[in-house]
Amino acid sequence: MTAATPEPEDLLEQIRVRIYERFASDGRAPGVGELAMQSNVDEAEIVHALGALHRERSLVLDERGDIELAHPFDGRDFGFSVKGGDTLWWGGCAWDSFAIPHLVPGASPALVATTCPGCDTPHAWNVSASSPPPGPQVAHFLVPMAHVWDDVTHACDNQRIFCDERCVAAWLARTGNTKGTILSLPTLWRLASRWYEGRLGYGYRPRQPEVAADYFREVGLIGAFWGTAV
């Protein structure tokens, strides 16, 4: 007996969850053929579903149609690696890299590694779900929250960790960028800690702007950059 084809909305959610489950367990996205076999549909339907998930911002496809981002997981190197007990993930940005140990069961603590964009100094921290890592380093976010989805890949590429504010200033002078906002490691950790709660399960919905603003206030991020009142 052939299994019934899922309703379109059910199929989208099944595919979304399978993508996130594979990223969480193996650090990579499943292929179109694998998703088609798991979902009992043809590959054309999977390609269409991936496009729909891209449009609803559940993931980000690159120009070839491959999965580039499935926050907090990533299909390529954005400057961060996250090493759990037996899984290696690419972290798309400082925010996502610090979020993975909170989201993935058994991933805490994870070794988050990167290099300072200002001077190329390597940095690494054991990031756990219980407390922020020590360190004098700072995170710099270039793009205000209201404009992240104007070009989400650019925004993620520019959420980085620097040695200190002097390295931020040197990088801004060299690149011609305008200063965004600077976070301490404890503040970055608080931001990442609950942002993706529930994303690995069915029924997850991204935070709407007003809900996101409430969350930013809760973790101490106030001001125009975050879309919160001073």
Protein backbone atom coordinates (compact mmCIF):
# COMPACT_ATOMS: atom_id res chain seq x y z
CA MET A 1 0.00 0.00 0.00
CA THR A 2 1.43 3.37 -1.04
CA ALA A 3 1.64 6.03 1.67
CA ALA A 4 -0.52 9.07 1.16
CA THR A 5 1.23 12.18 -0.09
CA PRO A 6 1.35 14.80 2.71
CA GLU A 7 -0.64 17.99 2.36
CA PRO A 8 1.55 20.86 1.06
CA GLU A 9 1.73 22.64 4.40
CA ASP A 10 2.51 19.35 6.21
CA LEU A 11 5.19 18.51 3.64
CA LEU A 12 6.91 21.85 4.17
CA GLU A 13 7.08 21.32 7.90
CA GLN A 14 8.30 17.74 7.50
CA ILE A 15 11.08 18.88 5.19
CA ARG A 16 12.02 21.78 7.46
CA VAL A 17 12.31 19.51 10.49
CA ARG A 18 14.29 16.86 8.57
CA ILE A 19 16.75 19.50 7.40
CA TYR A 20 17.22 20.80 10.91
CA GLU A 21 17.50 17.30 12.37
CA ARG A 22 20.26 16.41 9.89
CA PHE A 23 22.14 19.63 10.57
CA ALA A 24 21.87 19.03 14.33
CA SER A 25 23.04 15.42 14.16
CA ASP A 26 25.63 15.53 11.36
CA GLY A 27 26.51 19.17 10.76
CA ARG A 28 25.24 19.10 7.17
CA ALA A 29 22.03 19.38 5.19
CA PRO A 30 20.33 16.35 3.61
CA GLY A 31 20.34 16.21 -0.19
CA VAL A 32 17.29 16.61 -2.41
CA GLY A 33 17.25 12.89 -3.20
CA GLU A 34 17.37 11.94 0.46
CA LEU A 35 14.53 14.32 1.32
CA ALA A 36 12.46 13.02 -1.59
CA MET A 37 12.88 9.42 -0.45
CA GLN A 38 12.06 10.26 3.17
CA SER A 39 8.99 12.26 2.16
CA ASN A 40 7.72 9.84 -0.52
CA VAL A 41 7.57 12.57 -3.17
CA ASP A 42 9.59 13.29 -6.27
CA GLU A 43 12.64 15.55 -6.31
CA ALA A 44 10.83 18.35 -8.16
CA GLU A 45 8.46 18.69 -5.20
CA ILE A 46 11.42 18.91 -2.82
CA VAL A 47 13.02 21.65 -4.93
CA HIS A 48 9.71 23.54 -4.90
CA ALA A 49 9.41 23.07 -1.13
CA LEU A 50 12.94 24.36 -0.55
CA GLY A 51 12.02 27.49 -2.48
CA ALA A 52 8.94 27.95 -0.31
CA LEU A 53 11.00 27.51 2.87
CA HIS A 54 13.44 30.09 1.53
CA ARG A 55 10.64 32.56 0.88
CA GLU A 56 9.22 32.12 4.38
CA ARG A 57 12.73 32.57 5.85
CA SER A 58 12.95 29.10 7.36
CA LEU A 59 16.25 28.68 5.49
CA VAL A 60 18.39 30.50 2.94
CA LEU A 61 19.31 29.08 -0.47
CA ASP A 62 22.35 30.15 -2.43
CA GLU A 63 22.36 30.96 -6.14
CA ARG A 64 22.58 27.25 -7.04
CA GLY A 65 19.60 26.37 -4.86
CA ASP A 66 21.71 24.71 -2.16
CA ILE A 67 21.04 25.35 1.51
CA GLU A 68 23.39 28.09 2.65
CA LEU A 69 21.83 28.94 6.02
CA ALA A 70 19.39 27.18 8.31
CA HIS A 71 19.93 29.30 11.40
CA PRO A 72 21.82 28.54 13.55
CA PHE A 73 23.33 25.95 11.17
CA ASP A 74 25.20 26.70 7.99
CA GLY A 75 26.15 24.95 4.81
CA ARG A 76 29.52 26.64 4.39
CA ASP A 77 32.27 28.34 6.37
CA PHE A 78 31.21 31.79 7.58
CA GLY A 79 34.25 32.19 9.82
CA PHE A 80 33.20 30.04 12.82
CA SER A 81 33.50 26.38 13.66
CA VAL A 82 31.56 24.73 16.48
CA LYS A 83 32.88 21.36 17.73
CA GLY A 84 30.69 19.22 19.95
CA GLY A 85 31.53 15.81 21.37
CA ASP A 86 31.25 14.07 18.00
CA THR A 87 29.89 16.65 15.54
CA LEU A 88 31.45 19.62 13.76
CA TRP A 89 29.18 22.45 12.64
CA TRP A 90 29.82 25.62 10.67
CA GLY A 91 28.55 28.59 12.64
CA GLY A 92 27.22 31.32 10.37
CA CYS A 93 28.03 34.13 12.76
CA ALA A 94 28.90 34.87 16.38
CA TRP A 95 25.21 34.74 17.35
CA ASP A 96 24.53 31.37 15.71
CA SER A 97 27.79 29.81 16.90
CA PHE A 98 26.97 30.63 20.51
CA ALA A 99 23.39 29.37 19.97
CA ILE A 100 24.25 25.83 18.84
CA PRO A 101 25.34 24.57 22.30
CA HIS A 102 22.00 25.80 23.67
CA LEU A 103 19.85 24.30 20.91
CA VAL A 104 21.35 20.88 20.16
CA PRO A 105 20.84 18.24 22.88
CA GLY A 106 24.20 17.06 24.19
CA ALA A 107 26.21 19.77 22.40
CA SER A 108 27.10 21.71 25.55
CA PRO A 109 29.88 22.54 26.00
CA ALA A 110 31.10 23.07 22.44
CA LEU A 111 34.39 24.52 21.26
CA VAL A 112 33.66 27.67 19.24
CA ALA A 113 36.62 28.89 17.19
CA THR A 114 37.21 31.87 14.90
CA THR A 115 39.79 34.49 13.97
CA CYS A 116 39.66 38.22 14.63
CA PRO A 117 38.77 40.06 11.39
CA GLY A 118 40.89 43.00 12.58
CA CYS A 119 44.22 41.22 13.07
CA ASP A 120 43.70 37.49 12.28
CA THR A 121 44.40 36.40 15.87
CA PRO A 122 42.78 32.98 16.52
CA HIS A 123 40.27 32.66 19.36
CA ALA A 124 38.43 29.72 20.90
CA TRP A 125 35.99 29.30 23.78
CA ASN A 126 34.22 26.42 25.47
CA VAL A 127 30.64 27.62 25.16
CA SER A 128 28.12 25.88 27.41
CA ALA A 129 24.40 26.23 28.02
CA SER A 130 25.01 26.95 31.71
CA SER A 131 27.22 30.05 31.74
CA PRO A 132 28.99 32.41 29.32
CA PRO A 133 32.65 31.82 28.51
CA PRO A 134 35.25 34.16 30.00
CA GLY A 135 37.22 36.48 27.79
CA PRO A 136 37.86 40.13 26.93
CA GLN A 137 36.83 39.74 23.29
CA VAL A 138 33.86 41.61 21.82
CA ALA A 139 31.31 40.88 19.12
CA HIS A 140 30.55 43.49 16.48
CA PHE A 141 27.28 43.37 14.55
CA LEU A 142 27.31 45.56 11.46
CA VAL A 143 23.69 45.45 10.24
CA PRO A 144 20.76 46.74 12.37
CA MET A 145 18.06 44.18 13.09
CA ALA A 146 15.47 45.94 10.93
CA HIS A 147 17.69 45.38 7.86
CA VAL A 148 19.14 41.90 8.47
CA TRP A 149 16.80 40.26 5.94
CA ASP A 150 17.59 42.87 3.26
CA ASP A 151 20.65 40.65 2.66
CA VAL A 152 20.80 38.03 5.39
CA THR A 153 24.02 36.44 4.10
CA HIS A 154 25.81 39.81 4.29
CA ALA A 155 24.40 40.39 7.77
CA CYS A 156 25.60 36.97 8.99
CA ASP A 157 29.02 37.46 7.40
CA ASN A 158 29.36 40.61 9.51
CA GLN A 159 28.44 39.35 12.96
CA ARG A 160 32.00 38.61 14.07
CA ILE A 161 34.14 38.46 17.21
CA PHE A 162 37.19 40.70 17.60
CA CYS A 163 40.06 40.86 20.11
CA ASP A 164 38.79 44.18 21.43
CA GLU A 165 37.31 47.49 20.31
CA ARG A 166 40.64 48.58 18.87
CA CYS A 167 40.51 45.70 16.41
CA VAL A 168 36.91 46.65 15.57
CA ALA A 169 38.04 50.22 14.84
CA ALA A 170 40.95 49.00 12.68
CA TRP A 171 38.63 46.72 10.68
CA LEU A 172 36.07 49.50 10.18
CA ALA A 173 38.79 51.89 8.95
CA ARG A 174 40.19 49.27 6.56
CA THR A 175 36.82 48.21 5.13
CA GLY A 176 35.09 51.59 5.12
CA ASN A 177 32.14 50.22 7.07
CA THR A 178 30.18 52.27 9.60
CA LYS A 179 30.22 51.04 13.19
CA GLY A 180 27.25 48.90 14.15
CA THR A 181 26.96 47.71 17.74
CA ILE A 182 29.38 46.01 20.11
CA LEU A 183 28.53 43.22 22.57
CA SER A 184 30.56 41.64 25.34
CA LEU A 185 30.83 37.84 25.35
CA PRO A 186 28.30 37.53 28.23
CA THR A 187 25.81 39.69 26.32
CA LEU A 188 26.34 37.66 23.14
CA TRP A 189 25.79 34.48 25.17
CA ARG A 190 22.51 35.81 26.63
CA LEU A 191 21.32 36.84 23.16
CA ALA A 192 22.04 33.36 21.77
CA SER A 193 20.75 31.37 24.74
CA ARG A 194 17.01 31.17 23.97
CA TRP A 195 16.69 32.76 20.54
CA TYR A 196 16.14 29.48 18.67
CA GLU A 197 14.16 27.61 21.32
CA GLY A 198 11.96 24.96 19.67
CA ARG A 199 13.49 25.23 16.22
CA LEU A 200 14.33 21.53 15.97
CA GLY A 201 10.71 20.47 16.52
CA TYR A 202 7.42 20.67 14.69
CA GLY A 203 5.35 23.85 14.85
CA TYR A 204 8.23 26.29 15.27
CA ARG A 205 7.50 29.83 14.13
CA PRO A 206 10.13 32.59 13.86
CA ARG A 207 9.70 35.51 16.23
CA GLN A 208 7.71 38.40 14.79
CA PRO A 209 9.31 41.86 15.14
CA GLU A 210 7.40 42.87 18.27
CA VAL A 211 8.19 39.53 19.97
CA ALA A 212 11.83 39.80 18.92
CA ALA A 213 12.01 43.30 20.41
CA ASP A 214 10.67 41.97 23.72
CA TYR A 215 13.35 39.27 23.71
CA PHE A 216 16.10 41.80 22.99
CA ARG A 217 14.93 43.89 25.95
CA GLU A 218 14.94 40.82 28.19
CA VAL A 219 18.60 40.14 27.44
CA GLY A 220 19.55 43.81 27.90
CA LEU A 221 19.75 45.01 24.29
CA ILE A 222 18.12 48.42 24.07
CA GLY A 223 18.22 51.04 21.33
CA ALA A 224 17.57 51.79 17.70
CA PHE A 225 19.97 49.10 16.43
CA TRP A 226 17.75 46.44 18.05
CA GLY A 227 14.42 48.13 17.35
CA THR A 228 13.79 48.66 21.05
CA ALA A 229 12.97 51.84 22.92
CA VAL A 230 15.77 53.56 24.82
